[in-house]
């Protein structure tokens, strides 16, 4: 197993530890508005077809809104699919951070 695969698996398992974490089919989402840190409030493990990216964005946004979260955050990695997802998010008003 490659190091990047192991790191992704670690992040996946870490996110699912939290009671508010949920698999939304295409991403794993953690939303803890009371802890205002991206580590505890993001969607990760993104894997959808390019034509399903819009649907996933809507699902994740609805989940964050249902939890009264002040923001929506995605963590993309070299294993994110589609590879254009980062650009897709920027086209929809998201900004890149570190």
PDB file of N, CA and C in Angstrom:
ATOM      1  N   UNK A   1       0.854  -1.183   0.000  1.00  0.00           N
ATOM      2  CA  UNK A   1       0.000   0.000   0.000  1.00  0.00           C
ATOM      3  C   UNK A   1       0.898   1.245   0.000  1.00  0.00           C
ATOM      4  N   UNK A   2       0.568   2.199  -0.854  1.00  0.00           N
ATOM      5  CA  UNK A   2       1.345   3.442  -0.930  1.00  0.00           C
ATOM      6  C   UNK A   2       1.091   4.304   0.296  1.00  0.00           C
ATOM      7  N   UNK A   3       2.051   5.176   0.596  1.00  0.00           N
ATOM      8  CA  UNK A   3       1.915   6.068   1.748  1.00  0.00           C
ATOM      9  C   UNK A   3       0.678   6.949   1.643  1.00  0.00           C
ATOM     10  N   UNK A   4       0.393   7.453   0.445  1.00  0.00           N
ATOM     11  CA  UNK A   4      -0.777   8.333   0.278  1.00  0.00           C
ATOM     12  C   UNK A   4      -2.059   7.551   0.551  1.00  0.00           C
ATOM     13  N   UNK A   5      -2.103   6.292   0.172  1.00  0.00           N
ATOM     14  CA  UNK A   5      -3.279   5.461   0.459  1.00  0.00           C
ATOM     15  C   UNK A   5      -3.450   5.271   1.965  1.00  0.00           C
ATOM     16  N   UNK A   6      -2.330   5.034   2.650  1.00  0.00           N
ATOM     17  CA  UNK A   6      -2.389   4.864   4.104  1.00  0.00           C
ATOM     18  C   UNK A   6      -2.837   6.145   4.786  1.00  0.00           C
ATOM     19  N   UNK A   7      -2.350   7.291   4.311  1.00  0.00           N
ATOM     20  CA  UNK A   7      -2.742   8.576   4.889  1.00  0.00           C
ATOM     21  C   UNK A   7      -4.235   8.824   4.691  1.00  0.00           C
ATOM     22  N   UNK A   8      -4.731   8.538   3.516  1.00  0.00           N
ATOM     23  CA  UNK A   8      -6.166   8.698   3.259  1.00  0.00           C
ATOM     24  C   UNK A   8      -6.981   7.786   4.169  1.00  0.00           C
ATOM     25  N   UNK A   9      -6.528   6.558   4.351  1.00  0.00           N
ATOM     26  CA  UNK A   9      -7.251   5.632   5.223  1.00  0.00           C
ATOM     27  C   UNK A   9      -7.242   6.134   6.660  1.00  0.00           C
ATOM     28  N   UNK A  10      -6.113   6.690   7.100  1.00  0.00           N
ATOM     29  CA  UNK A  10      -6.028   7.271   8.433  1.00  0.00           C
ATOM     30  C   UNK A  10      -7.032   8.405   8.597  1.00  0.00           C
ATOM     31  N   UNK A  11      -7.083   9.329   7.627  1.00  0.00           N
ATOM     32  CA  UNK A  11      -8.042  10.440   7.683  1.00  0.00           C
ATOM     33  C   UNK A  11      -9.473   9.914   7.693  1.00  0.00           C
ATOM     34  N   UNK A  12      -9.744   8.946   6.858  1.00  0.00           N
ATOM     35  CA  UNK A  12     -11.086   8.366   6.782  1.00  0.00           C
ATOM     36  C   UNK A  12     -11.501   7.808   8.150  1.00  0.00           C
ATOM     37  N   UNK A  13     -10.628   7.017   8.745  1.00  0.00           N
ATOM     38  CA  UNK A  13     -10.921   6.423  10.053  1.00  0.00           C
ATOM     39  C   UNK A  13     -11.030   7.484  11.142  1.00  0.00           C
ATOM     40  N   UNK A  14     -10.169   8.505  11.081  1.00  0.00           N
ATOM     41  CA  UNK A  14     -10.205   9.575  12.072  1.00  0.00           C
ATOM     42  C   UNK A  14     -11.531  10.327  12.028  1.00  0.00           C
ATOM     43  N   UNK A  15     -11.986  10.656  10.844  1.00  0.00           N
ATOM     44  CA  UNK A  15     -13.244  11.389  10.695  1.00  0.00           C
ATOM     45  C   UNK A  15     -14.408  10.561  11.232  1.00  0.00           C
ATOM     46  N   UNK A  16     -14.424   9.272  10.944  1.00  0.00           N
ATOM     47  CA  UNK A  16     -15.547   8.431  11.353  1.00  0.00           C
ATOM     48  C   UNK A  16     -15.589   8.154  12.860  1.00  0.00           C
ATOM     49  N   UNK A  17     -14.551   8.549  13.589  1.00  0.00           N
ATOM     50  CA  UNK A  17     -14.553   8.406  15.041  1.00  0.00           C
ATOM     51  C   UNK A  17     -15.610   9.315  15.670  1.00  0.00           C
ATOM     52  N   UNK A  18     -15.827  10.480  15.071  1.00  0.00           N
ATOM     53  CA  UNK A  18     -16.726  11.468  15.645  1.00  0.00           C
ATOM     54  C   UNK A  18     -18.182  11.074  15.433  1.00  0.00           C
ATOM     55  N   UNK A  19     -19.002  11.253  16.470  1.00  0.00           N
ATOM     56  CA  UNK A  19     -20.411  10.845  16.371  1.00  0.00           C
ATOM     57  C   UNK A  19     -21.173  11.575  15.271  1.00  0.00           C
ATOM     58  N   UNK A  20     -20.739  12.772  14.920  1.00  0.00           N
ATOM     59  CA  UNK A  20     -21.456  13.535  13.895  1.00  0.00           C
ATOM     60  C   UNK A  20     -20.968  13.215  12.491  1.00  0.00           C
ATOM     61  N   UNK A  21     -20.039  12.279  12.355  1.00  0.00           N
ATOM     62  CA  UNK A  21     -19.534  11.913  11.029  1.00  0.00           C
ATOM     63  C   UNK A  21     -20.548  11.036  10.306  1.00  0.00           C
ATOM     64  N   UNK A  22     -20.560  11.188   8.998  1.00  0.00           N
ATOM     65  CA  UNK A  22     -21.541  10.453   8.203  1.00  0.00           C
ATOM     66  C   UNK A  22     -20.961  10.190   6.821  1.00  0.00           C
ATOM     67  N   UNK A  23     -21.233   9.028   6.288  1.00  0.00           N
ATOM     68  CA  UNK A  23     -20.876   8.711   4.916  1.00  0.00           C
ATOM     69  C   UNK A  23     -22.062   9.118   4.057  1.00  0.00           C
ATOM     70  N   UNK A  24     -21.859  10.075   3.153  1.00  0.00           N
ATOM     71  CA  UNK A  24     -22.963  10.571   2.331  1.00  0.00           C
ATOM     72  C   UNK A  24     -22.892  10.039   0.896  1.00  0.00           C
ATOM     73  N   UNK A  25     -22.274   8.894   0.722  1.00  0.00           N
ATOM     74  CA  UNK A  25     -22.151   8.261  -0.585  1.00  0.00           C
ATOM     75  C   UNK A  25     -21.411   9.170  -1.560  1.00  0.00           C
ATOM     76  N   UNK A  26     -20.113   9.075  -1.516  1.00  0.00           N
ATOM     77  CA  UNK A  26     -19.257   9.902  -2.352  1.00  0.00           C
ATOM     78  C   UNK A  26     -18.315  10.742  -1.531  1.00  0.00           C
ATOM     79  N   UNK A  27     -18.574  10.835  -0.233  1.00  0.00           N
ATOM     80  CA  UNK A  27     -17.708  11.584   0.689  1.00  0.00           C
ATOM     81  C   UNK A  27     -18.057  11.199   2.121  1.00  0.00           C
ATOM     82  N   UNK A  28     -17.092  11.399   2.991  1.00  0.00           N
ATOM     83  CA  UNK A  28     -17.323  11.241   4.420  1.00  0.00           C
ATOM     84  C   UNK A  28     -17.349  12.641   5.002  1.00  0.00           C
ATOM     85  N   UNK A  29     -18.383  12.954   5.769  1.00  0.00           N
ATOM     86  CA  UNK A  29     -18.583  14.311   6.271  1.00  0.00           C
ATOM     87  C   UNK A  29     -18.518  14.316   7.798  1.00  0.00           C
ATOM     88  N   UNK A  30     -17.790  15.285   8.331  1.00  0.00           N
ATOM     89  CA  UNK A  30     -17.777  15.523   9.778  1.00  0.00           C
ATOM     90  C   UNK A  30     -18.219  16.956   9.983  1.00  0.00           C
ATOM     91  N   UNK A  31     -19.204  17.156  10.831  1.00  0.00           N
ATOM     92  CA  UNK A  31     -19.699  18.503  11.077  1.00  0.00           C
ATOM     93  C   UNK A  31     -19.913  18.693  12.574  1.00  0.00           C
ATOM     94  N   UNK A  32     -19.077  19.521  13.168  1.00  0.00           N
ATOM     95  CA  UNK A  32     -19.136  19.832  14.594  1.00  0.00           C
ATOM     96  C   UNK A  32     -19.069  21.353  14.738  1.00  0.00           C
ATOM     97  N   UNK A  33     -20.158  22.071  14.504  1.00  0.00           N
ATOM     98  CA  UNK A  33     -20.132  23.537  14.527  1.00  0.00           C
ATOM     99  C   UNK A  33     -19.611  24.129  15.838  1.00  0.00           C
ATOM    100  N   UNK A  34     -19.725  23.375  16.927  1.00  0.00           N
ATOM    101  CA  UNK A  34     -19.252  23.885  18.207  1.00  0.00           C
ATOM    102  C   UNK A  34     -17.722  23.866  18.299  1.00  0.00           C
ATOM    103  N   UNK A  35     -17.060  23.192  17.382  1.00  0.00           N
ATOM    104  CA  UNK A  35     -15.592  23.176  17.317  1.00  0.00           C
ATOM    105  C   UNK A  35     -15.198  23.833  15.994  1.00  0.00           C
ATOM    106  N   UNK A  36     -14.930  25.123  15.989  1.00  0.00           N
ATOM    107  CA  UNK A  36     -14.704  25.847  14.727  1.00  0.00           C
ATOM    108  C   UNK A  36     -13.320  25.617  14.107  1.00  0.00           C
ATOM    109  N   UNK A  37     -13.037  24.371  13.782  1.00  0.00           N
ATOM    110  CA  UNK A  37     -11.781  24.016  13.130  1.00  0.00           C
ATOM    111  C   UNK A  37     -12.088  23.111  11.948  1.00  0.00           C
ATOM    112  N   UNK A  38     -11.367  23.330  10.831  1.00  0.00           N
ATOM    113  CA  UNK A  38     -11.623  22.523   9.631  1.00  0.00           C
ATOM    114  C   UNK A  38     -11.440  21.031   9.873  1.00  0.00           C
ATOM    115  N   UNK A  39     -10.521  20.664  10.763  1.00  0.00           N
ATOM    116  CA  UNK A  39     -10.300  19.253  11.059  1.00  0.00           C
ATOM    117  C   UNK A  39     -11.590  18.560  11.484  1.00  0.00           C
ATOM    118  N   UNK A  40     -12.452  19.265  12.192  1.00  0.00           N
ATOM    119  CA  UNK A  40     -13.690  18.684  12.702  1.00  0.00           C
ATOM    120  C   UNK A  40     -14.917  19.041  11.853  1.00  0.00           C
ATOM    121  N   UNK A  41     -14.706  19.796  10.790  1.00  0.00           N
ATOM    122  CA  UNK A  41     -15.818  20.264   9.948  1.00  0.00           C
ATOM    123  C   UNK A  41     -15.410  20.230   8.481  1.00  0.00           C
ATOM    124  N   UNK A  42     -15.524  19.081   7.861  1.00  0.00           N
ATOM    125  CA  UNK A  42     -15.166  19.004   6.452  1.00  0.00           C
ATOM    126  C   UNK A  42     -15.715  17.736   5.817  1.00  0.00           C
ATOM    127  N   UNK A  43     -15.707  17.749   4.503  1.00  0.00           N
ATOM    128  CA  UNK A  43     -16.030  16.557   3.729  1.00  0.00           C
ATOM    129  C   UNK A  43     -14.724  16.069   3.123  1.00  0.00           C
ATOM    130  N   UNK A  44     -14.483  14.781   3.193  1.00  0.00           N
ATOM    131  CA  UNK A  44     -13.241  14.200   2.680  1.00  0.00           C
ATOM    132  C   UNK A  44     -13.542  12.874   2.003  1.00  0.00           C
ATOM    133  N   UNK A  45     -12.489  12.210   1.558  1.00  0.00           N
ATOM    134  CA  UNK A  45     -12.639  10.903   0.921  1.00  0.00           C
ATOM    135  C   UNK A  45     -13.582  11.001  -0.279  1.00  0.00           C
ATOM    136  N   UNK A  46     -13.402  12.036  -1.075  1.00  0.00           N
ATOM    137  CA  UNK A  46     -14.311  12.348  -2.171  1.00  0.00           C
ATOM    138  C   UNK A  46     -14.022  11.439  -3.361  1.00  0.00           C
ATOM    139  N   UNK A  47     -15.037  10.730  -3.785  1.00  0.00           N
ATOM    140  CA  UNK A  47     -14.896   9.835  -4.917  1.00  0.00           C
ATOM    141  C   UNK A  47     -16.237   9.715  -5.634  1.00  0.00           C
ATOM    142  N   UNK A  48     -16.386  10.513  -6.681  1.00  0.00           N
ATOM    143  CA  UNK A  48     -17.603  10.494  -7.502  1.00  0.00           C
ATOM    144  C   UNK A  48     -17.204  10.640  -8.959  1.00  0.00           C
ATOM    145  N   UNK A  49     -18.108  10.302  -9.849  1.00  0.00           N
ATOM    146  CA  UNK A  49     -17.890  10.574 -11.262  1.00  0.00           C
ATOM    147  C   UNK A  49     -18.008  12.074 -11.485  1.00  0.00           C
ATOM    148  N   UNK A  50     -17.373  12.553 -12.530  1.00  0.00           N
ATOM    149  CA  UNK A  50     -17.393  13.988 -12.806  1.00  0.00           C
ATOM    150  C   UNK A  50     -18.814  14.531 -12.920  1.00  0.00           C
ATOM    151  N   UNK A  51     -19.707  13.755 -13.522  1.00  0.00           N
ATOM    152  CA  UNK A  51     -21.084  14.223 -13.689  1.00  0.00           C
ATOM    153  C   UNK A  51     -21.900  14.163 -12.397  1.00  0.00           C
ATOM    154  N   UNK A  52     -21.334  13.575 -11.328  1.00  0.00           N
ATOM    155  CA  UNK A  52     -22.030  13.506 -10.036  1.00  0.00           C
ATOM    156  C   UNK A  52     -21.502  14.531  -9.034  1.00  0.00           C
ATOM    157  N   UNK A  53     -20.492  15.320  -9.430  1.00  0.00           N
ATOM    158  CA  UNK A  53     -19.865  16.277  -8.514  1.00  0.00           C
ATOM    159  C   UNK A  53     -20.874  17.302  -7.999  1.00  0.00           C
ATOM    160  N   UNK A  54     -21.731  17.797  -8.868  1.00  0.00           N
ATOM    161  CA  UNK A  54     -22.730  18.795  -8.474  1.00  0.00           C
ATOM    162  C   UNK A  54     -23.697  18.213  -7.437  1.00  0.00           C
ATOM    163  N   UNK A  55     -24.117  16.981  -7.656  1.00  0.00           N
ATOM    164  CA  UNK A  55     -25.025  16.306  -6.733  1.00  0.00           C
ATOM    165  C   UNK A  55     -24.357  16.124  -5.362  1.00  0.00           C
ATOM    166  N   UNK A  56     -23.067  15.751  -5.354  1.00  0.00           N
ATOM    167  CA  UNK A  56     -22.347  15.584  -4.096  1.00  0.00           C
ATOM    168  C   UNK A  56     -22.213  16.919  -3.373  1.00  0.00           C
ATOM    169  N   UNK A  57     -21.887  17.978  -4.094  1.00  0.00           N
ATOM    170  CA  UNK A  57     -21.782  19.306  -3.484  1.00  0.00           C
ATOM    171  C   UNK A  57     -23.094  19.679  -2.799  1.00  0.00           C
ATOM    172  N   UNK A  58     -24.213  19.432  -3.451  1.00  0.00           N
ATOM    173  CA  UNK A  58     -25.522  19.738  -2.864  1.00  0.00           C
ATOM    174  C   UNK A  58     -25.798  18.895  -1.620  1.00  0.00           C
ATOM    175  N   UNK A  59     -25.459  17.601  -1.663  1.00  0.00           N
ATOM    176  CA  UNK A  59     -25.670  16.728  -0.495  1.00  0.00           C
ATOM    177  C   UNK A  59     -24.857  17.207   0.702  1.00  0.00           C
ATOM    178  N   UNK A  60     -23.588  17.539   0.453  1.00  0.00           N
ATOM    179  CA  UNK A  60     -22.714  17.981   1.543  1.00  0.00           C
ATOM    180  C   UNK A  60     -23.192  19.318   2.094  1.00  0.00           C
ATOM    181  N   UNK A  61     -23.554  20.246   1.211  1.00  0.00           N
ATOM    182  CA  UNK A  61     -24.043  21.558   1.662  1.00  0.00           C
ATOM    183  C   UNK A  61     -25.304  21.403   2.505  1.00  0.00           C
ATOM    184  N   UNK A  62     -26.237  20.560   2.069  1.00  0.00           N
ATOM    185  CA  UNK A  62     -27.469  20.331   2.844  1.00  0.00           C
ATOM    186  C   UNK A  62     -27.153  19.751   4.215  1.00  0.00           C
ATOM    187  N   UNK A  63     -26.171  18.846   4.276  1.00  0.00           N
ATOM    188  CA  UNK A  63     -25.797  18.254   5.558  1.00  0.00           C
ATOM    189  C   UNK A  63     -25.259  19.323   6.504  1.00  0.00           C
ATOM    190  N   UNK A  64     -24.362  20.181   6.014  1.00  0.00           N
ATOM    191  CA  UNK A  64     -23.809  21.240   6.849  1.00  0.00           C
ATOM    192  C   UNK A  64     -24.895  22.229   7.281  1.00  0.00           C
ATOM    193  N   UNK A  65     -25.815  22.569   6.396  1.00  0.00           N
ATOM    194  CA  UNK A  65     -26.916  23.475   6.741  1.00  0.00           C
ATOM    195  C   UNK A  65     -27.798  22.830   7.811  1.00  0.00           C
ATOM    196  N   UNK A  66     -28.054  21.539   7.700  1.00  0.00           N
ATOM    197  CA  UNK A  66     -28.896  20.856   8.688  1.00  0.00           C
ATOM    198  C   UNK A  66     -28.259  20.844  10.072  1.00  0.00           C
ATOM    199  N   UNK A  67     -26.945  20.980  10.138  1.00  0.00           N
ATOM    200  CA  UNK A  67     -26.229  21.021  11.418  1.00  0.00           C
ATOM    201  C   UNK A  67     -25.965  22.457  11.880  1.00  0.00           C
ATOM    202  N   UNK A  68     -26.526  23.436  11.162  1.00  0.00           N
ATOM    203  CA  UNK A  68     -26.346  24.859  11.470  1.00  0.00           C
ATOM    204  C   UNK A  68     -24.874  25.265  11.470  1.00  0.00           C
ATOM    205  N   UNK A  69     -24.127  24.700  10.558  1.00  0.00           N
ATOM    206  CA  UNK A  69     -22.706  25.031  10.439  1.00  0.00           C
ATOM    207  C   UNK A  69     -22.544  26.360   9.707  1.00  0.00           C
ATOM    208  N   UNK A  70     -21.630  27.203  10.172  1.00  0.00           N
ATOM    209  CA  UNK A  70     -21.433  28.498   9.515  1.00  0.00           C
ATOM    210  C   UNK A  70     -20.663  28.403   8.194  1.00  0.00           C
ATOM    211  N   UNK A  71     -20.063  27.251   7.898  1.00  0.00           N
ATOM    212  CA  UNK A  71     -19.320  27.115   6.646  1.00  0.00           C
ATOM    213  C   UNK A  71     -19.266  25.657   6.201  1.00  0.00           C
ATOM    214  N   UNK A  72     -18.900  25.470   4.945  1.00  0.00           N
ATOM    215  CA  UNK A  72     -18.714  24.144   4.369  1.00  0.00           C
ATOM    216  C   UNK A  72     -17.266  24.058   3.905  1.00  0.00           C
ATOM    217  N   UNK A  73     -16.595  22.971   4.227  1.00  0.00           N
ATOM    218  CA  UNK A  73     -15.191  22.799   3.888  1.00  0.00           C
ATOM    219  C   UNK A  73     -14.981  21.415   3.272  1.00  0.00           C
ATOM    220  N   UNK A  74     -14.161  21.343   2.235  1.00  0.00           N
ATOM    221  CA  UNK A  74     -13.804  20.077   1.614  1.00  0.00           C
ATOM    222  C   UNK A  74     -12.307  19.876   1.764  1.00  0.00           C
ATOM    223  N   UNK A  75     -11.898  18.654   2.036  1.00  0.00           N
ATOM    224  CA  UNK A  75     -10.474  18.319   2.038  1.00  0.00           C
ATOM    225  C   UNK A  75     -10.233  17.437   0.828  1.00  0.00           C
ATOM    226  N   UNK A  76      -9.478  17.980  -0.121  1.00  0.00           N
ATOM    227  CA  UNK A  76      -9.155  17.210  -1.320  1.00  0.00           C
ATOM    228  C   UNK A  76      -7.724  16.707  -1.204  1.00  0.00           C
ATOM    229  N   UNK A  77      -7.448  15.610  -1.860  1.00  0.00           N
ATOM    230  CA  UNK A  77      -6.125  14.989  -1.810  1.00  0.00           C
ATOM    231  C   UNK A  77      -5.789  14.459  -3.198  1.00  0.00           C
ATOM    232  N   UNK A  78      -4.591  13.930  -3.367  1.00  0.00           N
ATOM    233  CA  UNK A  78      -4.259  13.327  -4.668  1.00  0.00           C
ATOM    234  C   UNK A  78      -5.163  12.152  -5.038  1.00  0.00           C
ATOM    235  N   UNK A  79      -5.863  11.592  -4.073  1.00  0.00           N
ATOM    236  CA  UNK A  79      -6.761  10.469  -4.357  1.00  0.00           C
ATOM    237  C   UNK A  79      -8.202  10.901  -4.602  1.00  0.00           C
ATOM    238  N   UNK A  80      -8.487  12.199  -4.508  1.00  0.00           N
ATOM    239  CA  UNK A  80      -9.839  12.706  -4.756  1.00  0.00           C
ATOM    240  C   UNK A  80     -10.225  12.455  -6.216  1.00  0.00           C
ATOM    241  N   UNK A  81     -11.431  11.961  -6.389  1.00  0.00           N
ATOM    242  CA  UNK A  81     -11.962  11.744  -7.745  1.00  0.00           C
ATOM    243  C   UNK A  81     -13.300  12.426  -7.864  1.00  0.00           C
ATOM    244  N   UNK A  82     -13.537  13.153  -8.936  1.00  0.00           N
ATOM    245  CA  UNK A  82     -12.641  13.321 -10.066  1.00  0.00           C
ATOM    246  C   UNK A  82     -11.473  14.242  -9.713  1.00  0.00           C
ATOM    247  N   UNK A  83     -10.412  14.137 -10.474  1.00  0.00           N
ATOM    248  CA  UNK A  83      -9.235  14.960 -10.206  1.00  0.00           C
ATOM    249  C   UNK A  83      -9.528  16.444 -10.403  1.00  0.00           C
ATOM    250  N   UNK A  84     -10.574  16.755 -11.128  1.00  0.00           N
ATOM    251  CA  UNK A  84     -10.960  18.151 -11.378  1.00  0.00           C
ATOM    252  C   UNK A  84     -11.831  18.726 -10.258  1.00  0.00           C
ATOM    253  N   UNK A  85     -12.050  17.973  -9.175  1.00  0.00           N
ATOM    254  CA  UNK A  85     -12.971  18.405  -8.126  1.00  0.00           C
ATOM    255  C   UNK A  85     -12.533  19.713  -7.478  1.00  0.00           C
ATOM    256  N   UNK A  86     -11.246  19.899  -7.297  1.00  0.00           N
ATOM    257  CA  UNK A  86     -10.738  21.140  -6.710  1.00  0.00           C
ATOM    258  C   UNK A  86     -11.125  22.341  -7.578  1.00  0.00           C
ATOM    259  N   UNK A  87     -10.938  22.227  -8.868  1.00  0.00           N
ATOM    260  CA  UNK A  87     -11.334  23.303  -9.789  1.00  0.00           C
ATOM    261  C   UNK A  87     -12.844  23.497  -9.782  1.00  0.00           C
ATOM    262  N   UNK A  88     -13.578  22.395  -9.696  1.00  0.00           N
ATOM    263  CA  UNK A  88     -15.038  22.450  -9.626  1.00  0.00           C
ATOM    264  C   UNK A  88     -15.475  23.274  -8.414  1.00  0.00           C
ATOM    265  N   UNK A  89     -14.833  23.028  -7.261  1.00  0.00           N
ATOM    266  CA  UNK A  89     -15.175  23.781  -6.054  1.00  0.00           C
ATOM    267  C   UNK A  89     -14.858  25.268  -6.221  1.00  0.00           C
ATOM    268  N   UNK A  90     -13.713  25.580  -6.801  1.00  0.00           N
ATOM    269  CA  UNK A  90     -13.349  26.986  -7.028  1.00  0.00           C
ATOM    270  C   UNK A  90     -14.362  27.648  -7.955  1.00  0.00           C
ATOM    271  N   UNK A  91     -14.820  26.936  -8.963  1.00  0.00           N
ATOM    272  CA  UNK A  91     -15.836  27.472  -9.882  1.00  0.00           C
ATOM    273  C   UNK A  91     -17.159  27.740  -9.170  1.00  0.00           C
ATOM    274  N   UNK A  92     -17.362  27.095  -8.033  1.00  0.00           N
ATOM    275  CA  UNK A  92     -18.591  27.269  -7.254  1.00  0.00           C
ATOM    276  C   UNK A  92     -18.380  28.149  -6.015  1.00  0.00           C
ATOM    277  N   UNK A  93     -17.301  28.946  -6.024  1.00  0.00           N
ATOM    278  CA  UNK A  93     -17.101  29.955  -4.977  1.00  0.00           C
ATOM    279  C   UNK A  93     -16.241  29.539  -3.796  1.00  0.00           C
ATOM    280  N   UNK A  94     -15.691  28.336  -3.802  1.00  0.00           N
ATOM    281  CA  UNK A  94     -14.822  27.910  -2.709  1.00  0.00           C
ATOM    282  C   UNK A  94     -13.418  28.464  -2.907  1.00  0.00           C
ATOM    283  N   UNK A  95     -12.706  28.679  -1.809  1.00  0.00           N
ATOM    284  CA  UNK A  95     -11.332  29.158  -1.872  1.00  0.00           C
ATOM    285  C   UNK A  95     -10.400  28.066  -1.363  1.00  0.00           C
ATOM    286  N   UNK A  96      -9.202  28.006  -1.961  1.00  0.00           N
ATOM    287  CA  UNK A  96      -8.202  27.062  -1.482  1.00  0.00           C
ATOM    288  C   UNK A  96      -7.551  27.585  -0.215  1.00  0.00           C
ATOM    289  N   UNK A  97      -7.306  26.687   0.719  1.00  0.00           N
ATOM    290  CA  UNK A  97      -6.549  27.000   1.933  1.00  0.00           C
ATOM    291  C   UNK A  97      -5.493  25.920   2.091  1.00  0.00           C
ATOM    292  N   UNK A  98      -4.309  26.318   2.520  1.00  0.00           N
ATOM    293  CA  UNK A  98      -3.181  25.414   2.809  1.00  0.00           C
ATOM    294  C   UNK A  98      -3.335  24.029   2.521  1.00  0.00           C
TER     295      UNK A  98
END
